[in-house]
Amino acid sequence: MSAAPQTSSTPKVLRSLRGHVATIALDRPERMNTTGRAMPAELCEALLAAERDRNVRAIIITGTGRASFARLDLTDVDARAGLPEN
């Protein structure tokens, strides 16, 4: 598997394949791996790529740093609409 497509200057989702195990790591340790604007699309693409890869038998979803996943980053939410900012 290759690196996740970059929707910003730095990928927020890392991918690796070892044997038949794909590892997908959320990479925003400074924000406890909360999802921001780019991460949901990158995570979706990583999961779809793993699903398409006939060598993948298992997928591990983890995070870098001290948290694996801490939900939505509210600094990326438009308070008026409650939706991610564009």
PDB file of N, CA and C in Angstrom:
ATOM      1  N   MET A   1       0.842  -1.173   0.000  1.00  0.00           N
ATOM      2  CA  MET A   1       0.000   0.000   0.000  1.00  0.00           C
ATOM      3  C   MET A   1       0.885   1.233   0.000  1.00  0.00           C
ATOM      4  N   SER A   2       0.468   2.276  -0.658  1.00  0.00           N
ATOM      5  CA  SER A   2       1.250   3.503  -0.727  1.00  0.00           C
ATOM      6  C   SER A   2       0.768   4.478   0.338  1.00  0.00           C
ATOM      7  N   ALA A   3       1.445   5.591   0.420  1.00  0.00           N
ATOM      8  CA  ALA A   3       1.060   6.624   1.375  1.00  0.00           C
ATOM      9  C   ALA A   3      -0.312   7.168   1.019  1.00  0.00           C
ATOM     10  N   ALA A   4      -1.001   7.671   2.028  1.00  0.00           N
ATOM     11  CA  ALA A   4      -2.334   8.242   1.828  1.00  0.00           C
ATOM     12  C   ALA A   4      -2.250   9.462   0.917  1.00  0.00           C
ATOM     13  N   PRO A   5      -3.288   9.695   0.097  1.00  0.00           N
ATOM     14  CA  PRO A   5      -3.282  10.888  -0.729  1.00  0.00           C
ATOM     15  C   PRO A   5      -3.253  12.129   0.162  1.00  0.00           C
ATOM     16  N   GLN A   6      -2.534  13.145  -0.241  1.00  0.00           N
ATOM     17  CA  GLN A   6      -2.397  14.331   0.571  1.00  0.00           C
ATOM     18  C   GLN A   6      -3.422  15.371   0.163  1.00  0.00           C
ATOM     19  N   THR A   7      -4.292  15.728   1.104  1.00  0.00           N
ATOM     20  CA  THR A   7      -5.255  16.792   0.853  1.00  0.00           C
ATOM     21  C   THR A   7      -4.771  18.086   1.482  1.00  0.00           C
ATOM     22  N   SER A   8      -3.721  18.013   2.271  1.00  0.00           N
ATOM     23  CA  SER A   8      -3.056  19.182   2.822  1.00  0.00           C
ATOM     24  C   SER A   8      -1.570  18.922   2.684  1.00  0.00           C
ATOM     25  N   SER A   9      -0.753  19.812   3.224  1.00  0.00           N
ATOM     26  CA  SER A   9       0.684  19.650   3.074  1.00  0.00           C
ATOM     27  C   SER A   9       1.210  18.442   3.845  1.00  0.00           C
ATOM     28  N   THR A  10       0.502  17.996   4.863  1.00  0.00           N
ATOM     29  CA  THR A  10       0.948  16.858   5.661  1.00  0.00           C
ATOM     30  C   THR A  10      -0.180  15.839   5.759  1.00  0.00           C
ATOM     31  N   PRO A  11       0.099  14.568   5.431  1.00  0.00           N
ATOM     32  CA  PRO A  11      -0.962  13.559   5.586  1.00  0.00           C
ATOM     33  C   PRO A  11      -1.326  13.378   7.052  1.00  0.00           C
ATOM     34  N   LYS A  12      -2.587  13.146   7.314  1.00  0.00           N
ATOM     35  CA  LYS A  12      -3.072  12.945   8.670  1.00  0.00           C
ATOM     36  C   LYS A  12      -3.352  11.471   8.955  1.00  0.00           C
ATOM     37  N   VAL A  13      -3.292  10.651   7.916  1.00  0.00           N
ATOM     38  CA  VAL A  13      -3.526   9.217   8.051  1.00  0.00           C
ATOM     39  C   VAL A  13      -2.352   8.496   7.402  1.00  0.00           C
ATOM     40  N   LEU A  14      -1.713   7.636   8.165  1.00  0.00           N
ATOM     41  CA  LEU A  14      -0.572   6.872   7.663  1.00  0.00           C
ATOM     42  C   LEU A  14      -1.003   5.441   7.405  1.00  0.00           C
ATOM     43  N   ARG A  15      -0.435   4.821   6.387  1.00  0.00           N
ATOM     44  CA  ARG A  15      -0.784   3.437   6.048  1.00  0.00           C
ATOM     45  C   ARG A  15       0.484   2.608   5.937  1.00  0.00           C
ATOM     46  N   SER A  16       0.365   1.358   6.346  1.00  0.00           N
ATOM     47  CA  SER A  16       1.457   0.410   6.121  1.00  0.00           C
ATOM     48  C   SER A  16       0.857  -0.981   5.960  1.00  0.00           C
ATOM     49  N   LEU A  17       1.623  -1.849   5.334  1.00  0.00           N
ATOM     50  CA  LEU A  17       1.191  -3.226   5.133  1.00  0.00           C
ATOM     51  C   LEU A  17       2.352  -4.136   5.512  1.00  0.00           C
ATOM     52  N   ARG A  18       2.089  -5.028   6.428  1.00  0.00           N
ATOM     53  CA  ARG A  18       3.086  -6.007   6.850  1.00  0.00           C
ATOM     54  C   ARG A  18       2.435  -7.376   6.772  1.00  0.00           C
ATOM     55  N   GLY A  19       2.930  -8.185   5.849  1.00  0.00           N
ATOM     56  CA  GLY A  19       2.281  -9.473   5.621  1.00  0.00           C
ATOM     57  C   GLY A  19       0.885  -9.237   5.102  1.00  0.00           C
ATOM     58  N   HIS A  20      -0.085  -9.779   5.817  1.00  0.00           N
ATOM     59  CA  HIS A  20      -1.496  -9.616   5.433  1.00  0.00           C
ATOM     60  C   HIS A  20      -2.233  -8.619   6.324  1.00  0.00           C
ATOM     61  N   VAL A  21      -1.472  -7.840   7.121  1.00  0.00           N
ATOM     62  CA  VAL A  21      -2.091  -6.910   8.066  1.00  0.00           C
ATOM     63  C   VAL A  21      -1.817  -5.474   7.635  1.00  0.00           C
ATOM     64  N   ALA A  22      -2.892  -4.758   7.364  1.00  0.00           N
ATOM     65  CA  ALA A  22      -2.786  -3.326   7.041  1.00  0.00           C
ATOM     66  C   ALA A  22      -2.944  -2.553   8.343  1.00  0.00           C
ATOM     67  N   THR A  23      -2.061  -1.589   8.559  1.00  0.00           N
ATOM     68  CA  THR A  23      -2.173  -0.712   9.718  1.00  0.00           C
ATOM     69  C   THR A  23      -2.461   0.689   9.214  1.00  0.00           C
ATOM     70  N   ILE A  24      -3.502   1.278   9.767  1.00  0.00           N
ATOM     71  CA  ILE A  24      -3.898   2.638   9.446  1.00  0.00           C
ATOM     72  C   ILE A  24      -3.763   3.434  10.734  1.00  0.00           C
ATOM     73  N   ALA A  25      -2.904   4.452  10.713  1.00  0.00           N
ATOM     74  CA  ALA A  25      -2.642   5.236  11.921  1.00  0.00           C
ATOM     75  C   ALA A  25      -3.083   6.682  11.729  1.00  0.00           C
ATOM     76  N   LEU A  26      -3.904   7.162  12.645  1.00  0.00           N
ATOM     77  CA  LEU A  26      -4.277   8.570  12.664  1.00  0.00           C
ATOM     78  C   LEU A  26      -3.055   9.334  13.169  1.00  0.00           C
ATOM     79  N   ASP A  27      -2.658  10.404  12.481  1.00  0.00           N
ATOM     80  CA  ASP A  27      -1.404  11.081  12.791  1.00  0.00           C
ATOM     81  C   ASP A  27      -1.602  12.561  13.085  1.00  0.00           C
ATOM     82  N   ARG A  28      -2.258  12.823  14.197  1.00  0.00           N
ATOM     83  CA  ARG A  28      -2.399  14.189  14.715  1.00  0.00           C
ATOM     84  C   ARG A  28      -2.158  14.138  16.216  1.00  0.00           C
ATOM     85  N   PRO A  29      -0.981  13.693  16.641  1.00  0.00           N
ATOM     86  CA  PRO A  29      -0.745  13.502  18.079  1.00  0.00           C
ATOM     87  C   PRO A  29      -0.868  14.793  18.876  1.00  0.00           C
ATOM     88  N   GLU A  30      -0.574  15.929  18.249  1.00  0.00           N
ATOM     89  CA  GLU A  30      -0.678  17.208  18.956  1.00  0.00           C
ATOM     90  C   GLU A  30      -2.125  17.542  19.290  1.00  0.00           C
ATOM     91  N   ARG A  31      -3.081  16.887  18.632  1.00  0.00           N
ATOM     92  CA  ARG A  31      -4.524  17.082  18.870  1.00  0.00           C
ATOM     93  C   ARG A  31      -5.181  15.794  19.366  1.00  0.00           C
ATOM     94  N   MET A  32      -4.380  14.886  19.918  1.00  0.00           N
ATOM     95  CA  MET A  32      -4.884  13.595  20.435  1.00  0.00           C
ATOM     96  C   MET A  32      -5.622  12.812  19.350  1.00  0.00           C
ATOM     97  N   ASN A  33      -5.205  12.998  18.090  1.00  0.00           N
ATOM     98  CA  ASN A  33      -5.769  12.294  16.932  1.00  0.00           C
ATOM     99  C   ASN A  33      -7.257  12.536  16.728  1.00  0.00           C
ATOM    100  N   THR A  34      -7.697  13.731  17.094  1.00  0.00           N
ATOM    101  CA  THR A  34      -9.074  14.106  16.779  1.00  0.00           C
ATOM    102  C   THR A  34      -9.178  14.284  15.267  1.00  0.00           C
ATOM    103  N   THR A  35     -10.363  14.058  14.734  1.00  0.00           N
ATOM    104  CA  THR A  35     -10.533  14.230  13.294  1.00  0.00           C
ATOM    105  C   THR A  35     -10.754  15.699  12.985  1.00  0.00           C
ATOM    106  N   GLY A  36     -10.056  16.170  11.980  1.00  0.00           N
ATOM    107  CA  GLY A  36     -10.207  17.537  11.504  1.00  0.00           C
ATOM    108  C   GLY A  36     -10.831  17.494  10.127  1.00  0.00           C
ATOM    109  N   ARG A  37     -10.609  18.515   9.350  1.00  0.00           N
ATOM    110  CA  ARG A  37     -11.220  18.603   8.026  1.00  0.00           C
ATOM    111  C   ARG A  37     -10.724  17.539   7.057  1.00  0.00           C
ATOM    112  N   ALA A  38      -9.422  17.309   6.992  1.00  0.00           N
ATOM    113  CA  ALA A  38      -8.858  16.394   5.996  1.00  0.00           C
ATOM    114  C   ALA A  38      -8.926  14.933   6.426  1.00  0.00           C
ATOM    115  N   MET A  39      -8.896  14.682   7.706  1.00  0.00           N
ATOM    116  CA  MET A  39      -8.754  13.305   8.169  1.00  0.00           C
ATOM    117  C   MET A  39      -9.892  12.359   7.764  1.00  0.00           C
ATOM    118  N   PRO A  40     -11.161  12.720   7.832  1.00  0.00           N
ATOM    119  CA  PRO A  40     -12.202  11.746   7.456  1.00  0.00           C
ATOM    120  C   PRO A  40     -12.048  11.223   6.024  1.00  0.00           C
ATOM    121  N   ALA A  41     -11.745  12.098   5.083  1.00  0.00           N
ATOM    122  CA  ALA A  41     -11.571  11.657   3.696  1.00  0.00           C
ATOM    123  C   ALA A  41     -10.341  10.761   3.564  1.00  0.00           C
ATOM    124  N   GLU A  42      -9.253  11.134   4.237  1.00  0.00           N
ATOM    125  CA  GLU A  42      -8.038  10.327   4.185  1.00  0.00           C
ATOM    126  C   GLU A  42      -8.256   8.964   4.839  1.00  0.00           C
ATOM    127  N   LEU A  43      -8.971   8.939   5.962  1.00  0.00           N
ATOM    128  CA  LEU A  43      -9.261   7.677   6.642  1.00  0.00           C
ATOM    129  C   LEU A  43     -10.138   6.789   5.767  1.00  0.00           C
ATOM    130  N   CYS A  44     -11.143   7.377   5.143  1.00  0.00           N
ATOM    131  CA  CYS A  44     -12.026   6.621   4.252  1.00  0.00           C
ATOM    132  C   CYS A  44     -11.229   6.027   3.096  1.00  0.00           C
ATOM    133  N   GLU A  45     -10.369   6.818   2.481  1.00  0.00           N
ATOM    134  CA  GLU A  45      -9.560   6.330   1.367  1.00  0.00           C
ATOM    135  C   GLU A  45      -8.630   5.201   1.815  1.00  0.00           C
ATOM    136  N   ALA A  46      -8.047   5.329   3.002  1.00  0.00           N
ATOM    137  CA  ALA A  46      -7.161   4.283   3.516  1.00  0.00           C
ATOM    138  C   ALA A  46      -7.926   2.978   3.740  1.00  0.00           C
ATOM    139  N   LEU A  47      -9.131   3.076   4.286  1.00  0.00           N
ATOM    140  CA  LEU A  47      -9.949   1.877   4.508  1.00  0.00           C
ATOM    141  C   LEU A  47     -10.376   1.246   3.186  1.00  0.00           C
ATOM    142  N   LEU A  48     -10.766   2.068   2.218  1.00  0.00           N
ATOM    143  CA  LEU A  48     -11.161   1.535   0.913  1.00  0.00           C
ATOM    144  C   LEU A  48      -9.984   0.884   0.192  1.00  0.00           C
ATOM    145  N   ALA A  49      -8.800   1.498   0.312  1.00  0.00           N
ATOM    146  CA  ALA A  49      -7.605   0.912  -0.309  1.00  0.00           C
ATOM    147  C   ALA A  49      -7.286  -0.442   0.320  1.00  0.00           C
ATOM    148  N   ALA A  50      -7.410  -0.548   1.634  1.00  0.00           N
ATOM    149  CA  ALA A  50      -7.164  -1.820   2.312  1.00  0.00           C
ATOM    150  C   ALA A  50      -8.197  -2.860   1.893  1.00  0.00           C
ATOM    151  N   GLU A  51      -9.441  -2.426   1.739  1.00  0.00           N
ATOM    152  CA  GLU A  51     -10.494  -3.348   1.306  1.00  0.00           C
ATOM    153  C   GLU A  51     -10.230  -3.866  -0.105  1.00  0.00           C
ATOM    154  N   ARG A  52      -9.718  -3.011  -0.992  1.00  0.00           N
ATOM    155  CA  ARG A  52      -9.433  -3.412  -2.369  1.00  0.00           C
ATOM    156  C   ARG A  52      -8.205  -4.314  -2.498  1.00  0.00           C
ATOM    157  N   ASP A  53      -7.303  -4.225  -1.531  1.00  0.00           N
ATOM    158  CA  ASP A  53      -6.051  -4.982  -1.592  1.00  0.00           C
ATOM    159  C   ASP A  53      -6.328  -6.444  -1.229  1.00  0.00           C
ATOM    160  N   ARG A  54      -6.177  -7.334  -2.187  1.00  0.00           N
ATOM    161  CA  ARG A  54      -6.497  -8.752  -1.978  1.00  0.00           C
ATOM    162  C   ARG A  54      -5.540  -9.423  -0.998  1.00  0.00           C
ATOM    163  N   ASN A  55      -4.399  -8.798  -0.693  1.00  0.00           N
ATOM    164  CA  ASN A  55      -3.464  -9.367   0.273  1.00  0.00           C
ATOM    165  C   ASN A  55      -3.851  -9.073   1.717  1.00  0.00           C
ATOM    166  N   VAL A  56      -4.698  -8.078   1.938  1.00  0.00           N
ATOM    167  CA  VAL A  56      -5.067  -7.671   3.295  1.00  0.00           C
ATOM    168  C   VAL A  56      -6.087  -8.649   3.877  1.00  0.00           C
ATOM    169  N   ARG A  57      -5.746  -9.164   5.060  1.00  0.00           N
ATOM    170  CA  ARG A  57      -6.645 -10.075   5.783  1.00  0.00           C
ATOM    171  C   ARG A  57      -7.182  -9.441   7.062  1.00  0.00           C
ATOM    172  N   ALA A  58      -6.481  -8.425   7.549  1.00  0.00           N
ATOM    173  CA  ALA A  58      -6.890  -7.739   8.785  1.00  0.00           C
ATOM    174  C   ALA A  58      -6.457  -6.287   8.699  1.00  0.00           C
ATOM    175  N   ILE A  59      -7.213  -5.424   9.375  1.00  0.00           N
ATOM    176  CA  ILE A  59      -6.891  -4.001   9.414  1.00  0.00           C
ATOM    177  C   ILE A  59      -6.817  -3.579  10.879  1.00  0.00           C
ATOM    178  N   ILE A  60      -5.722  -2.915  11.228  1.00  0.00           N
ATOM    179  CA  ILE A  60      -5.562  -2.340  12.561  1.00  0.00           C
ATOM    180  C   ILE A  60      -5.674  -0.831  12.412  1.00  0.00           C
ATOM    181  N   ILE A  61      -6.552  -0.226  13.196  1.00  0.00           N
ATOM    182  CA  ILE A  61      -6.667   1.231  13.212  1.00  0.00           C
ATOM    183  C   ILE A  61      -6.115   1.694  14.550  1.00  0.00           C
ATOM    184  N   THR A  62      -5.148   2.577  14.490  1.00  0.00           N
ATOM    185  CA  THR A  62      -4.486   3.051  15.696  1.00  0.00           C
ATOM    186  C   THR A  62      -4.184   4.531  15.540  1.00  0.00           C
ATOM    187  N   GLY A  63      -3.457   5.077  16.484  1.00  0.00           N
ATOM    188  CA  GLY A  63      -3.060   6.469  16.404  1.00  0.00           C
ATOM    189  C   GLY A  63      -1.642   6.656  16.880  1.00  0.00           C
ATOM    190  N   THR A  64      -1.020   7.727  16.434  1.00  0.00           N
ATOM    191  CA  THR A  64       0.324   8.043  16.898  1.00  0.00           C
ATOM    192  C   THR A  64       0.215   8.839  18.198  1.00  0.00           C
ATOM    193  N   GLY A  65       1.266   8.819  18.977  1.00  0.00           N
ATOM    194  CA  GLY A  65       1.245   9.553  20.239  1.00  0.00           C
ATOM    195  C   GLY A  65       0.502   8.796  21.313  1.00  0.00           C
ATOM    196  N   ARG A  66      -0.063   9.528  22.264  1.00  0.00           N
ATOM    197  CA  ARG A  66      -0.668   8.883  23.432  1.00  0.00           C
ATOM    198  C   ARG A  66      -2.157   8.564  23.307  1.00  0.00           C
ATOM    199  N   ALA A  67      -2.783   8.953  22.215  1.00  0.00           N
ATOM    200  CA  ALA A  67      -4.215   8.679  22.045  1.00  0.00           C
ATOM    201  C   ALA A  67      -4.442   8.020  20.695  1.00  0.00           C
ATOM    202  N   SER A  68      -5.323   7.032  20.665  1.00  0.00           N
ATOM    203  CA  SER A  68      -5.619   6.412  19.377  1.00  0.00           C
ATOM    204  C   SER A  68      -6.669   7.211  18.616  1.00  0.00           C
ATOM    205  N   PHE A  69      -7.649   7.776  19.331  1.00  0.00           N
ATOM    206  CA  PHE A  69      -8.701   8.532  18.663  1.00  0.00           C
ATOM    207  C   PHE A  69      -9.503   9.265  19.730  1.00  0.00           C
ATOM    208  N   ALA A  70      -9.652  10.572  19.569  1.00  0.00           N
ATOM    209  CA  ALA A  70     -10.354  11.364  20.581  1.00  0.00           C
ATOM    210  C   ALA A  70     -11.531  12.146  19.994  1.00  0.00           C
ATOM    211  N   ARG A  71     -12.132  11.610  18.931  1.00  0.00           N
ATOM    212  CA  ARG A  71     -13.319  12.174  18.294  1.00  0.00           C
ATOM    213  C   ARG A  71     -13.053  13.403  17.437  1.00  0.00           C
ATOM    214  N   LEU A  72     -14.022  14.296  17.329  1.00  0.00           N
ATOM    215  CA  LEU A  72     -13.981  15.457  16.441  1.00  0.00           C
ATOM    216  C   LEU A  72     -13.217  16.611  17.080  1.00  0.00           C
ATOM    217  N   ASP A  73     -12.354  17.251  16.311  1.00  0.00           N
ATOM    218  CA  ASP A  73     -11.642  18.440  16.763  1.00  0.00           C
ATOM    219  C   ASP A  73     -12.579  19.624  16.619  1.00  0.00           C
ATOM    220  N   LEU A  74     -13.070  20.141  17.724  1.00  0.00           N
ATOM    221  CA  LEU A  74     -14.070  21.210  17.688  1.00  0.00           C
ATOM    222  C   LEU A  74     -13.513  22.530  17.170  1.00  0.00           C
ATOM    223  N   THR A  75     -12.190  22.671  17.100  1.00  0.00           N
ATOM    224  CA  THR A  75     -11.633  23.886  16.512  1.00  0.00           C
ATOM    225  C   THR A  75     -11.848  23.915  15.003  1.00  0.00           C
ATOM    226  N   ASP A  76     -12.191  22.774  14.396  1.00  0.00           N
ATOM    227  CA  ASP A  76     -12.460  22.698  12.962  1.00  0.00           C
ATOM    228  C   ASP A  76     -13.955  22.725  12.646  1.00  0.00           C
ATOM    229  N   VAL A  77     -14.785  23.004  13.631  1.00  0.00           N
ATOM    230  CA  VAL A  77     -16.233  22.993  13.431  1.00  0.00           C
ATOM    231  C   VAL A  77     -16.753  24.427  13.373  1.00  0.00           C
ATOM    232  N   ASP A  78     -17.586  24.678  12.395  1.00  0.00           N
ATOM    233  CA  ASP A  78     -18.245  25.965  12.272  1.00  0.00           C
ATOM    234  C   ASP A  78     -19.359  26.009  13.312  1.00  0.00           C
ATOM    235  N   ALA A  79     -19.234  26.857  14.306  1.00  0.00           N
ATOM    236  CA  ALA A  79     -20.189  26.912  15.412  1.00  0.00           C
ATOM    237  C   ALA A  79     -21.603  27.260  14.950  1.00  0.00           C
ATOM    238  N   ARG A  80     -21.719  28.019  13.869  1.00  0.00           N
ATOM    239  CA  ARG A  80     -23.051  28.416  13.384  1.00  0.00           C
ATOM    240  C   ARG A  80     -23.833  27.240  12.853  1.00  0.00           C
ATOM    241  N   ALA A  81     -23.179  26.366  12.115  1.00  0.00           N
ATOM    242  CA  ALA A  81     -23.885  25.259  11.467  1.00  0.00           C
ATOM    243  C   ALA A  81     -23.635  23.937  12.159  1.00  0.00           C
ATOM    244  N   GLY A  82     -22.592  23.874  12.994  1.00  0.00           N
ATOM    245  CA  GLY A  82     -22.247  22.611  13.620  1.00  0.00           C
ATOM    246  C   GLY A  82     -21.629  21.639  12.640  1.00  0.00           C
ATOM    247  N   LEU A  83     -21.142  22.142  11.524  1.00  0.00           N
ATOM    248  CA  LEU A  83     -20.555  21.312  10.486  1.00  0.00           C
ATOM    249  C   LEU A  83     -19.096  21.687  10.293  1.00  0.00           C
ATOM    250  N   PRO A  84     -18.275  20.738   9.803  1.00  0.00           N
ATOM    251  CA  PRO A  84     -16.878  21.089   9.518  1.00  0.00           C
ATOM    252  C   PRO A  84     -16.794  22.255   8.542  1.00  0.00           C
ATOM    253  N   GLU A  85     -15.852  23.163   8.828  1.00  0.00           N
ATOM    254  CA  GLU A  85     -15.640  24.307   7.943  1.00  0.00           C
ATOM    255  C   GLU A  85     -15.039  23.853   6.641  1.00  0.00           C
ATOM    256  N   ASN A  86     -15.302  24.557   5.571  1.00  0.00           N
ATOM    257  CA  ASN A  86     -14.704  24.245   4.260  1.00  0.00           C
ATOM    258  C   ASN A  86     -13.625  25.213   3.941  1.00  0.00           C
TER     259      ASN A  86
END
